[in-house]
Amino acid sequence: MARKPHAYSPQAVETARALGERIRLGRLERRWTLEEAAERVGVNHTTMRKVERGDLTVGLGPALEAAALLDVPLLAVGPDGLSLERRETQARLAGVPSRARRPKAVDVDF
């Protein structure tokens, strides 16, 4: 049974493409072939090509691994600022409930 393609938002598509382009640039600047990069990431060359194209069907793991190996920043901050960003996010997470729940319907019929 074929899976129905997922419709991603334009922002998600653009973000994936931008990340893929930065990964490709990092690979080419290091003069790695597609096959060399794929081997280092632990995927085949087809998957690596999809990562570089920003294909949203590729798992998050290979894309993150490629970005890490090629020193491609994922957030607006550099590697040194990432721990600060994480601490700030963790502090904000501490102030919100750990789970999201829908509010129970209130019976206003007296």
PDB file of N, CA and C in Angstrom:
ATOM      1  N   MET A   1       0.847  -1.178   0.000  1.00  0.00           N
ATOM      2  CA  MET A   1       0.000   0.000   0.000  1.00  0.00           C
ATOM      3  C   MET A   1       0.895   1.245   0.000  1.00  0.00           C
ATOM      4  N   ALA A   2       0.694   2.121  -0.948  1.00  0.00           N
ATOM      5  CA  ALA A   2       1.501   3.335  -1.066  1.00  0.00           C
ATOM      6  C   ALA A   2       1.092   4.357  -0.019  1.00  0.00           C
ATOM      7  N   ARG A   3       2.105   5.027   0.496  1.00  0.00           N
ATOM      8  CA  ARG A   3       1.844   6.067   1.482  1.00  0.00           C
ATOM      9  C   ARG A   3       1.432   7.348   0.781  1.00  0.00           C
ATOM     10  N   LYS A   4       0.507   8.055   1.392  1.00  0.00           N
ATOM     11  CA  LYS A   4       0.073   9.338   0.868  1.00  0.00           C
ATOM     12  C   LYS A   4       1.157  10.370   1.176  1.00  0.00           C
ATOM     13  N   PRO A   5       1.591  11.151   0.179  1.00  0.00           N
ATOM     14  CA  PRO A   5       2.630  12.145   0.445  1.00  0.00           C
ATOM     15  C   PRO A   5       2.133  13.199   1.422  1.00  0.00           C
ATOM     16  N   HIS A   6       3.028  13.626   2.297  1.00  0.00           N
ATOM     17  CA  HIS A   6       2.697  14.630   3.299  1.00  0.00           C
ATOM     18  C   HIS A   6       2.862  16.012   2.684  1.00  0.00           C
ATOM     19  N   ALA A   7       1.945  16.896   2.960  1.00  0.00           N
ATOM     20  CA  ALA A   7       2.041  18.273   2.475  1.00  0.00           C
ATOM     21  C   ALA A   7       2.723  19.110   3.552  1.00  0.00           C
ATOM     22  N   TYR A   8       3.953  19.516   3.300  1.00  0.00           N
ATOM     23  CA  TYR A   8       4.711  20.316   4.251  1.00  0.00           C
ATOM     24  C   TYR A   8       4.474  21.791   3.990  1.00  0.00           C
ATOM     25  N   SER A   9       4.598  22.587   5.036  1.00  0.00           N
ATOM     26  CA  SER A   9       4.430  24.031   4.910  1.00  0.00           C
ATOM     27  C   SER A   9       5.568  24.606   4.071  1.00  0.00           C
ATOM     28  N   PRO A  10       5.324  25.724   3.420  1.00  0.00           N
ATOM     29  CA  PRO A  10       6.397  26.362   2.646  1.00  0.00           C
ATOM     30  C   PRO A  10       7.615  26.685   3.509  1.00  0.00           C
ATOM     31  N   GLN A  11       7.403  27.033   4.760  1.00  0.00           N
ATOM     32  CA  GLN A  11       8.519  27.337   5.658  1.00  0.00           C
ATOM     33  C   GLN A  11       9.368  26.096   5.907  1.00  0.00           C
ATOM     34  N   ALA A  12       8.737  24.949   6.115  1.00  0.00           N
ATOM     35  CA  ALA A  12       9.481  23.701   6.340  1.00  0.00           C
ATOM     36  C   ALA A  12      10.271  23.321   5.089  1.00  0.00           C
ATOM     37  N   VAL A  13       9.659  23.476   3.930  1.00  0.00           N
ATOM     38  CA  VAL A  13      10.333  23.145   2.668  1.00  0.00           C
ATOM     39  C   VAL A  13      11.537  24.054   2.471  1.00  0.00           C
ATOM     40  N   GLU A  14      11.361  25.340   2.693  1.00  0.00           N
ATOM     41  CA  GLU A  14      12.449  26.307   2.507  1.00  0.00           C
ATOM     42  C   GLU A  14      13.582  26.067   3.508  1.00  0.00           C
ATOM     43  N   THR A  15      13.241  25.745   4.742  1.00  0.00           N
ATOM     44  CA  THR A  15      14.251  25.469   5.765  1.00  0.00           C
ATOM     45  C   THR A  15      15.060  24.234   5.404  1.00  0.00           C
ATOM     46  N   ALA A  16      14.388  23.180   4.960  1.00  0.00           N
ATOM     47  CA  ALA A  16      15.087  21.949   4.565  1.00  0.00           C
ATOM     48  C   ALA A  16      16.006  22.197   3.373  1.00  0.00           C
ATOM     49  N   ARG A  17      15.543  22.970   2.424  1.00  0.00           N
ATOM     50  CA  ARG A  17      16.381  23.283   1.258  1.00  0.00           C
ATOM     51  C   ARG A  17      17.609  24.093   1.662  1.00  0.00           C
ATOM     52  N   ALA A  18      17.411  25.066   2.550  1.00  0.00           N
ATOM     53  CA  ALA A  18      18.535  25.894   3.006  1.00  0.00           C
ATOM     54  C   ALA A  18      19.561  25.039   3.752  1.00  0.00           C
ATOM     55  N   LEU A  19      19.084  24.149   4.601  1.00  0.00           N
ATOM     56  CA  LEU A  19      19.993  23.264   5.323  1.00  0.00           C
ATOM     57  C   LEU A  19      20.744  22.359   4.347  1.00  0.00           C
ATOM     58  N   GLY A  20      20.033  21.796   3.400  1.00  0.00           N
ATOM     59  CA  GLY A  20      20.667  20.938   2.400  1.00  0.00           C
ATOM     60  C   GLY A  20      21.733  21.669   1.604  1.00  0.00           C
ATOM     61  N   GLU A  21      21.446  22.897   1.233  1.00  0.00           N
ATOM     62  CA  GLU A  21      22.426  23.690   0.486  1.00  0.00           C
ATOM     63  C   GLU A  21      23.666  23.961   1.333  1.00  0.00           C
ATOM     64  N   ARG A  22      23.472  24.261   2.616  1.00  0.00           N
ATOM     65  CA  ARG A  22      24.615  24.515   3.496  1.00  0.00           C
ATOM     66  C   ARG A  22      25.432  23.245   3.700  1.00  0.00           C
ATOM     67  N   ILE A  23      24.769  22.103   3.786  1.00  0.00           N
ATOM     68  CA  ILE A  23      25.480  20.826   3.911  1.00  0.00           C
ATOM     69  C   ILE A  23      26.282  20.559   2.644  1.00  0.00           C
ATOM     70  N   ARG A  24      25.674  20.786   1.490  1.00  0.00           N
ATOM     71  CA  ARG A  24      26.387  20.581   0.217  1.00  0.00           C
ATOM     72  C   ARG A  24      27.589  21.506   0.122  1.00  0.00           C
ATOM     73  N   LEU A  25      27.406  22.769   0.499  1.00  0.00           N
ATOM     74  CA  LEU A  25      28.509  23.723   0.473  1.00  0.00           C
ATOM     75  C   LEU A  25      29.645  23.256   1.386  1.00  0.00           C
ATOM     76  N   GLY A  26      29.308  22.801   2.587  1.00  0.00           N
ATOM     77  CA  GLY A  26      30.330  22.307   3.509  1.00  0.00           C
ATOM     78  C   GLY A  26      31.079  21.116   2.934  1.00  0.00           C
ATOM     79  N   ARG A  27      30.350  20.226   2.281  1.00  0.00           N
ATOM     80  CA  ARG A  27      30.990  19.051   1.664  1.00  0.00           C
ATOM     81  C   ARG A  27      31.938  19.463   0.551  1.00  0.00           C
ATOM     82  N   LEU A  28      31.480  20.363  -0.307  1.00  0.00           N
ATOM     83  CA  LEU A  28      32.305  20.791  -1.436  1.00  0.00           C
ATOM     84  C   LEU A  28      33.519  21.600  -0.969  1.00  0.00           C
ATOM     85  N   GLU A  29      33.343  22.405   0.065  1.00  0.00           N
ATOM     86  CA  GLU A  29      34.478  23.161   0.602  1.00  0.00           C
ATOM     87  C   GLU A  29      35.551  22.230   1.167  1.00  0.00           C
ATOM     88  N   ARG A  30      35.140  21.077   1.686  1.00  0.00           N
ATOM     89  CA  ARG A  30      36.091  20.088   2.196  1.00  0.00           C
ATOM     90  C   ARG A  30      36.597  19.155   1.092  1.00  0.00           C
ATOM     91  N   ARG A  31      36.040  19.332  -0.103  1.00  0.00           N
ATOM     92  CA  ARG A  31      36.397  18.522  -1.268  1.00  0.00           C
ATOM     93  C   ARG A  31      36.109  17.034  -1.052  1.00  0.00           C
ATOM     94  N   TRP A  32      35.011  16.780  -0.347  1.00  0.00           N
ATOM     95  CA  TRP A  32      34.562  15.402  -0.169  1.00  0.00           C
ATOM     96  C   TRP A  32      33.634  15.071  -1.331  1.00  0.00           C
ATOM     97  N   THR A  33      33.760  13.862  -1.850  1.00  0.00           N
ATOM     98  CA  THR A  33      32.782  13.400  -2.834  1.00  0.00           C
ATOM     99  C   THR A  33      31.484  13.091  -2.097  1.00  0.00           C
ATOM    100  N   LEU A  34      30.431  12.954  -2.865  1.00  0.00           N
ATOM    101  CA  LEU A  34      29.146  12.580  -2.276  1.00  0.00           C
ATOM    102  C   LEU A  34      29.276  11.240  -1.561  1.00  0.00           C
ATOM    103  N   GLU A  35      30.001  10.316  -2.168  1.00  0.00           N
ATOM    104  CA  GLU A  35      30.189   8.985  -1.588  1.00  0.00           C
ATOM    105  C   GLU A  35      30.979   9.059  -0.276  1.00  0.00           C
ATOM    106  N   GLU A  36      32.020   9.913  -0.229  1.00  0.00           N
ATOM    107  CA  GLU A  36      32.803  10.067   1.002  1.00  0.00           C
ATOM    108  C   GLU A  36      31.941  10.627   2.129  1.00  0.00           C
ATOM    109  N   ALA A  37      31.152  11.638   1.812  1.00  0.00           N
ATOM    110  CA  ALA A  37      30.276  12.224   2.826  1.00  0.00           C
ATOM    111  C   ALA A  37      29.258  11.196   3.304  1.00  0.00           C
ATOM    112  N   ALA A  38      28.689  10.452   2.367  1.00  0.00           N
ATOM    113  CA  ALA A  38      27.702   9.440   2.731  1.00  0.00           C
ATOM    114  C   ALA A  38      28.307   8.398   3.665  1.00  0.00           C
ATOM    115  N   GLU A  39      29.521   7.974   3.364  1.00  0.00           N
ATOM    116  CA  GLU A  39      30.189   6.976   4.207  1.00  0.00           C
ATOM    117  C   GLU A  39      30.419   7.529   5.614  1.00  0.00           C
ATOM    118  N   ARG A  40      30.853   8.774   5.700  1.00  0.00           N
ATOM    119  CA  ARG A  40      31.099   9.381   7.010  1.00  0.00           C
ATOM    120  C   ARG A  40      29.809   9.562   7.805  1.00  0.00           C
ATOM    121  N   VAL A  41      28.717   9.874   7.114  1.00  0.00           N
ATOM    122  CA  VAL A  41      27.425  10.042   7.775  1.00  0.00           C
ATOM    123  C   VAL A  41      26.816   8.692   8.135  1.00  0.00           C
ATOM    124  N   GLY A  42      27.163   7.663   7.357  1.00  0.00           N
ATOM    125  CA  GLY A  42      26.627   6.334   7.619  1.00  0.00           C
ATOM    126  C   GLY A  42      25.380   6.019   6.826  1.00  0.00           C
ATOM    127  N   VAL A  43      25.284   6.629   5.647  1.00  0.00           N
ATOM    128  CA  VAL A  43      24.144   6.386   4.765  1.00  0.00           C
ATOM    129  C   VAL A  43      24.670   6.080   3.365  1.00  0.00           C
ATOM    130  N   ASN A  44      23.776   5.706   2.454  1.00  0.00           N
ATOM    131  CA  ASN A  44      24.211   5.490   1.076  1.00  0.00           C
ATOM    132  C   ASN A  44      24.201   6.825   0.321  1.00  0.00           C
ATOM    133  N   HIS A  45      24.777   6.835  -0.875  1.00  0.00           N
ATOM    134  CA  HIS A  45      24.903   8.090  -1.620  1.00  0.00           C
ATOM    135  C   HIS A  45      23.553   8.667  -2.024  1.00  0.00           C
ATOM    136  N   THR A  46      22.557   7.817  -2.212  1.00  0.00           N
ATOM    137  CA  THR A  46      21.225   8.303  -2.574  1.00  0.00           C
ATOM    138  C   THR A  46      20.622   9.112  -1.432  1.00  0.00           C
ATOM    139  N   THR A  47      20.755   8.605  -0.216  1.00  0.00           N
ATOM    140  CA  THR A  47      20.231   9.323   0.942  1.00  0.00           C
ATOM    141  C   THR A  47      20.987  10.633   1.142  1.00  0.00           C
ATOM    142  N   MET A  48      22.299  10.588   0.960  1.00  0.00           N
ATOM    143  CA  MET A  48      23.098  11.807   1.112  1.00  0.00           C
ATOM    144  C   MET A  48      22.680  12.857   0.092  1.00  0.00           C
ATOM    145  N   ARG A  49      22.396  12.423  -1.120  1.00  0.00           N
ATOM    146  CA  ARG A  49      21.926  13.350  -2.158  1.00  0.00           C
ATOM    147  C   ARG A  49      20.591  13.970  -1.730  1.00  0.00           C
ATOM    148  N   LYS A  50      19.714  13.163  -1.142  1.00  0.00           N
ATOM    149  CA  LYS A  50      18.432  13.681  -0.670  1.00  0.00           C
ATOM    150  C   LYS A  50      18.623  14.697   0.449  1.00  0.00           C
ATOM    151  N   VAL A  51      19.568  14.432   1.346  1.00  0.00           N
ATOM    152  CA  VAL A  51      19.868  15.390   2.420  1.00  0.00           C
ATOM    153  C   VAL A  51      20.268  16.727   1.805  1.00  0.00           C
ATOM    154  N   GLU A  52      21.153  16.684   0.823  1.00  0.00           N
ATOM    155  CA  GLU A  52      21.642  17.907   0.189  1.00  0.00           C
ATOM    156  C   GLU A  52      20.562  18.630  -0.607  1.00  0.00           C
ATOM    157  N   ARG A  53      19.568  17.924  -1.058  1.00  0.00           N
ATOM    158  CA  ARG A  53      18.462  18.550  -1.787  1.00  0.00           C
ATOM    159  C   ARG A  53      17.378  19.074  -0.846  1.00  0.00           C
ATOM    160  N   GLY A  54      17.489  18.737   0.431  1.00  0.00           N
ATOM    161  CA  GLY A  54      16.471  19.172   1.385  1.00  0.00           C
ATOM    162  C   GLY A  54      15.206  18.346   1.291  1.00  0.00           C
ATOM    163  N   ASP A  55      15.350  17.103   0.889  1.00  0.00           N
ATOM    164  CA  ASP A  55      14.211  16.193   0.766  1.00  0.00           C
ATOM    165  C   ASP A  55      13.670  15.892   2.163  1.00  0.00           C
ATOM    166  N   LEU A  56      12.426  16.238   2.407  1.00  0.00           N
ATOM    167  CA  LEU A  56      11.832  16.068   3.736  1.00  0.00           C
ATOM    168  C   LEU A  56      11.433  14.640   4.061  1.00  0.00           C
ATOM    169  N   THR A  57      11.660  13.709   3.145  1.00  0.00           N
ATOM    170  CA  THR A  57      11.382  12.310   3.459  1.00  0.00           C
ATOM    171  C   THR A  57      12.564  11.643   4.156  1.00  0.00           C
ATOM    172  N   VAL A  58      13.714  12.311   4.176  1.00  0.00           N
ATOM    173  CA  VAL A  58      14.904  11.772   4.841  1.00  0.00           C
ATOM    174  C   VAL A  58      14.735  11.957   6.344  1.00  0.00           C
ATOM    175  N   GLY A  59      15.178  10.969   7.096  1.00  0.00           N
ATOM    176  CA  GLY A  59      15.099  11.054   8.543  1.00  0.00           C
ATOM    177  C   GLY A  59      15.933  12.205   9.094  1.00  0.00           C
ATOM    178  N   LEU A  60      15.577  12.647  10.261  1.00  0.00           N
ATOM    179  CA  LEU A  60      16.286  13.750  10.905  1.00  0.00           C
ATOM    180  C   LEU A  60      17.716  13.369  11.259  1.00  0.00           C
ATOM    181  N   GLY A  61      17.947  12.119  11.640  1.00  0.00           N
ATOM    182  CA  GLY A  61      19.271  11.673  12.055  1.00  0.00           C
ATOM    183  C   GLY A  61      20.350  11.900  11.017  1.00  0.00           C
ATOM    184  N   PRO A  62      20.169  11.423   9.786  1.00  0.00           N
ATOM    185  CA  PRO A  62      21.204  11.649   8.777  1.00  0.00           C
ATOM    186  C   PRO A  62      21.455  13.134   8.490  1.00  0.00           C
ATOM    187  N   ALA A  63      20.419  13.933   8.467  1.00  0.00           N
ATOM    188  CA  ALA A  63      20.597  15.364   8.208  1.00  0.00           C
ATOM    189  C   ALA A  63      21.375  16.021   9.342  1.00  0.00           C
ATOM    190  N   LEU A  64      21.047  15.662  10.591  1.00  0.00           N
ATOM    191  CA  LEU A  64      21.760  16.236  11.739  1.00  0.00           C
ATOM    192  C   LEU A  64      23.207  15.760  11.779  1.00  0.00           C
ATOM    193  N   GLU A  65      23.427  14.495  11.459  1.00  0.00           N
ATOM    194  CA  GLU A  65      24.792  13.956  11.454  1.00  0.00           C
ATOM    195  C   GLU A  65      25.632  14.640  10.377  1.00  0.00           C
ATOM    196  N   ALA A  66      25.059  14.830   9.198  1.00  0.00           N
ATOM    197  CA  ALA A  66      25.780  15.520   8.130  1.00  0.00           C
ATOM    198  C   ALA A  66      26.112  16.945   8.550  1.00  0.00           C
ATOM    199  N   ALA A  67      25.155  17.634   9.146  1.00  0.00           N
ATOM    200  CA  ALA A  67      25.396  19.005   9.599  1.00  0.00           C
ATOM    201  C   ALA A  67      26.488  19.046  10.661  1.00  0.00           C
ATOM    202  N   ALA A  68      26.488  18.094  11.576  1.00  0.00           N
ATOM    203  CA  ALA A  68      27.502  18.060  12.629  1.00  0.00           C
ATOM    204  C   ALA A  68      28.886  17.789  12.048  1.00  0.00           C
ATOM    205  N   LEU A  69      28.984  16.835  11.146  1.00  0.00           N
ATOM    206  CA  LEU A  69      30.280  16.495  10.546  1.00  0.00           C
ATOM    207  C   LEU A  69      30.854  17.639   9.708  1.00  0.00           C
ATOM    208  N   LEU A  70      29.971  18.437   9.136  1.00  0.00           N
ATOM    209  CA  LEU A  70      30.407  19.515   8.259  1.00  0.00           C
ATOM    210  C   LEU A  70      30.379  20.878   8.947  1.00  0.00           C
ATOM    211  N   ASP A  71      30.168  20.881  10.261  1.00  0.00           N
ATOM    212  CA  ASP A  71      30.137  22.127  11.051  1.00  0.00           C
ATOM    213  C   ASP A  71      29.105  23.125  10.533  1.00  0.00           C
ATOM    214  N   VAL A  72      27.948  22.624  10.146  1.00  0.00           N
ATOM    215  CA  VAL A  72      26.866  23.482   9.684  1.00  0.00           C
ATOM    216  C   VAL A  72      25.983  23.820  10.884  1.00  0.00           C
ATOM    217  N   PRO A  73      25.908  25.099  11.257  1.00  0.00           N
ATOM    218  CA  PRO A  73      25.064  25.456  12.403  1.00  0.00           C
ATOM    219  C   PRO A  73      23.587  25.264  12.083  1.00  0.00           C
ATOM    220  N   LEU A  74      22.863  24.734  13.047  1.00  0.00           N
ATOM    221  CA  LEU A  74      21.438  24.487  12.841  1.00  0.00           C
ATOM    222  C   LEU A  74      20.572  25.621  13.365  1.00  0.00           C
ATOM    223  N   LEU A  75      21.089  26.347  14.333  1.00  0.00           N
ATOM    224  CA  LEU A  75      20.352  27.467  14.897  1.00  0.00           C
ATOM    225  C   LEU A  75      21.091  28.746  14.544  1.00  0.00           C
ATOM    226  N   ALA A  76      20.506  29.866  14.897  1.00  0.00           N
ATOM    227  CA  ALA A  76      21.115  31.148  14.565  1.00  0.00           C
ATOM    228  C   ALA A  76      22.419  31.376  15.323  1.00  0.00           C
ATOM    229  N   VAL A  77      22.661  30.607  16.362  1.00  0.00           N
ATOM    230  CA  VAL A  77      23.874  30.768  17.152  1.00  0.00           C
ATOM    231  C   VAL A  77      24.921  29.772  16.695  1.00  0.00           C
ATOM    232  N   GLY A  78      26.182  30.087  16.951  1.00  0.00           N
ATOM    233  CA  GLY A  78      27.273  29.187  16.613  1.00  0.00           C
ATOM    234  C   GLY A  78      27.414  28.100  17.653  1.00  0.00           C
ATOM    235  N   PRO A  79      28.393  27.213  17.478  1.00  0.00           N
ATOM    236  CA  PRO A  79      28.586  26.096  18.401  1.00  0.00           C
ATOM    237  C   PRO A  79      28.794  26.528  19.848  1.00  0.00           C
ATOM    238  N   ASP A  80      29.481  27.658  20.074  1.00  0.00           N
ATOM    239  CA  ASP A  80      29.701  28.121  21.441  1.00  0.00           C
ATOM    240  C   ASP A  80      28.417  28.624  22.082  1.00  0.00           C
ATOM    241  N   GLY A  81      27.548  29.207  21.280  1.00  0.00           N
ATOM    242  CA  GLY A  81      26.304  29.747  21.805  1.00  0.00           C
ATOM    243  C   GLY A  81      25.206  28.719  21.943  1.00  0.00           C
ATOM    244  N   LEU A  82      25.418  27.532  21.422  1.00  0.00           N
ATOM    245  CA  LEU A  82      24.386  26.507  21.465  1.00  0.00           C
ATOM    246  C   LEU A  82      24.066  26.100  22.893  1.00  0.00           C
ATOM    247  N   SER A  83      25.084  25.967  23.733  1.00  0.00           N
ATOM    248  CA  SER A  83      24.816  25.572  25.117  1.00  0.00           C
ATOM    249  C   SER A  83      24.031  26.667  25.833  1.00  0.00           C
ATOM    250  N   LEU A  84      24.305  27.931  25.534  1.00  0.00           N
ATOM    251  CA  LEU A  84      23.536  29.026  26.122  1.00  0.00           C
ATOM    252  C   LEU A  84      22.100  28.964  25.639  1.00  0.00           C
ATOM    253  N   GLU A  85      21.911  28.743  24.344  1.00  0.00           N
ATOM    254  CA  GLU A  85      20.565  28.608  23.776  1.00  0.00           C
ATOM    255  C   GLU A  85      19.813  27.461  24.449  1.00  0.00           C
ATOM    256  N   ARG A  86      20.489  26.326  24.643  1.00  0.00           N
ATOM    257  CA  ARG A  86      19.850  25.170  25.287  1.00  0.00           C
ATOM    258  C   ARG A  86      19.490  25.486  26.732  1.00  0.00           C
ATOM    259  N   ARG A  87      20.384  26.163  27.466  1.00  0.00           N
ATOM    260  CA  ARG A  87      20.079  26.508  28.866  1.00  0.00           C
ATOM    261  C   ARG A  87      18.860  27.419  28.947  1.00  0.00           C
ATOM    262  N   GLU A  88      18.787  28.381  28.035  1.00  0.00           N
ATOM    263  CA  GLU A  88      17.630  29.282  28.024  1.00  0.00           C
ATOM    264  C   GLU A  88      16.349  28.525  27.692  1.00  0.00           C
ATOM    265  N   THR A  89      16.428  27.627  26.733  1.00  0.00           N
ATOM    266  CA  THR A  89      15.258  26.820  26.368  1.00  0.00           C
ATOM    267  C   THR A  89      14.850  25.923  27.523  1.00  0.00           C
ATOM    268  N   GLN A  90      15.817  25.286  28.181  1.00  0.00           N
ATOM    269  CA  GLN A  90      15.518  24.417  29.313  1.00  0.00           C
ATOM    270  C   GLN A  90      14.889  25.205  30.460  1.00  0.00           C
ATOM    271  N   ALA A  91      15.347  26.429  30.683  1.00  0.00           N
ATOM    272  CA  ALA A  91      14.767  27.271  31.727  1.00  0.00           C
ATOM    273  C   ALA A  91      13.313  27.606  31.386  1.00  0.00           C
ATOM    274  N   ARG A  92      13.049  27.878  30.135  1.00  0.00           N
ATOM    275  CA  ARG A  92      11.670  28.158  29.720  1.00  0.00           C
ATOM    276  C   ARG A  92      10.806  26.912  29.826  1.00  0.00           C
ATOM    277  N   LEU A  93      11.381  25.749  29.476  1.00  0.00           N
ATOM    278  CA  LEU A  93      10.626  24.497  29.583  1.00  0.00           C
ATOM    279  C   LEU A  93      10.270  24.177  31.019  1.00  0.00           C
ATOM    280  N   ALA A  94      11.122  24.575  31.956  1.00  0.00           N
ATOM    281  CA  ALA A  94      10.854  24.304  33.367  1.00  0.00           C
ATOM    282  C   ALA A  94       9.611  25.050  33.853  1.00  0.00           C
ATOM    283  N   GLY A  95       9.234  26.113  33.162  1.00  0.00           N
ATOM    284  CA  GLY A  95       8.088  26.907  33.576  1.00  0.00           C
ATOM    285  C   GLY A  95       6.782  26.519  32.921  1.00  0.00           C
ATOM    286  N   VAL A  96       6.791  25.503  32.077  1.00  0.00           N
ATOM    287  CA  VAL A  96       5.556  25.073  31.422  1.00  0.00           C
ATOM    288  C   VAL A  96       5.263  23.630  31.806  1.00  0.00           C
ATOM    289  N   PRO A  97       4.019  23.200  31.699  1.00  0.00           N
ATOM    290  CA  PRO A  97       3.704  21.807  32.030  1.00  0.00           C
ATOM    291  C   PRO A  97       4.506  20.837  31.161  1.00  0.00           C
ATOM    292  N   SER A  98       4.828  19.679  31.723  1.00  0.00           N
ATOM    293  CA  SER A  98       5.634  18.705  30.990  1.00  0.00           C
ATOM    294  C   SER A  98       4.842  17.990  29.896  1.00  0.00           C
ATOM    295  N   ARG A  99       3.540  18.035  29.988  1.00  0.00           N
ATOM    296  CA  ARG A  99       2.689  17.410  28.967  1.00  0.00           C
ATOM    297  C   ARG A  99       1.612  18.389  28.554  1.00  0.00           C
ATOM    298  N   ALA A 100       1.226  18.317  27.292  1.00  0.00           N
ATOM    299  CA  ALA A 100       0.121  19.138  26.808  1.00  0.00           C
ATOM    300  C   ALA A 100      -1.148  18.306  26.877  1.00  0.00           C
ATOM    301  N   ARG A 101      -2.148  18.863  27.463  1.00  0.00           N
ATOM    302  CA  ARG A 101      -3.450  18.173  27.560  1.00  0.00           C
ATOM    303  C   ARG A 101      -4.542  19.115  27.118  1.00  0.00           C
ATOM    304  N   ARG A 102      -5.547  18.537  26.526  1.00  0.00           N
ATOM    305  CA  ARG A 102      -6.700  19.346  26.155  1.00  0.00           C
ATOM    306  C   ARG A 102      -7.510  19.609  27.420  1.00  0.00           C
ATOM    307  N   PRO A 103      -8.039  20.823  27.536  1.00  0.00           N
ATOM    308  CA  PRO A 103      -8.886  21.080  28.700  1.00  0.00           C
ATOM    309  C   PRO A 103     -10.144  20.231  28.647  1.00  0.00           C
ATOM    310  N   LYS A 104     -10.569  19.799  29.804  1.00  0.00           N
ATOM    311  CA  LYS A 104     -11.799  19.009  29.860  1.00  0.00           C
ATOM    312  C   LYS A 104     -12.987  19.925  29.577  1.00  0.00           C
ATOM    313  N   ALA A 105     -13.948  19.351  28.890  1.00  0.00           N
ATOM    314  CA  ALA A 105     -15.152  20.121  28.601  1.00  0.00           C
ATOM    315  C   ALA A 105     -15.905  20.358  29.901  1.00  0.00           C
ATOM    316  N   VAL A 106     -16.328  21.572  30.081  1.00  0.00           N
ATOM    317  CA  VAL A 106     -17.071  21.936  31.291  1.00  0.00           C
ATOM    318  C   VAL A 106     -18.551  21.911  30.965  1.00  0.00           C
ATOM    319  N   ASP A 107     -19.285  21.193  31.768  1.00  0.00           N
ATOM    320  CA  ASP A 107     -20.728  21.118  31.574  1.00  0.00           C
ATOM    321  C   ASP A 107     -21.341  22.331  32.238  1.00  0.00           C
ATOM    322  N   VAL A 108     -21.814  23.272  31.436  1.00  0.00           N
ATOM    323  CA  VAL A 108     -22.423  24.496  31.967  1.00  0.00           C
ATOM    324  C   VAL A 108     -23.933  24.381  32.044  1.00  0.00           C
ATOM    325  N   ASP A 109     -24.455  23.214  31.830  1.00  0.00           N
ATOM    326  CA  ASP A 109     -25.899  22.988  31.846  1.00  0.00           C
ATOM    327  C   ASP A 109     -26.309  22.654  33.289  1.00  0.00           C
ATOM    328  N   PHE A 110     -26.841  23.610  34.005  1.00  0.00           N
ATOM    329  CA  PHE A 110     -27.234  23.387  35.409  1.00  0.00           C
ATOM    330  C   PHE A 110     -28.639  22.923  35.528  1.00  0.00           C
TER     331      PHE A 110
END
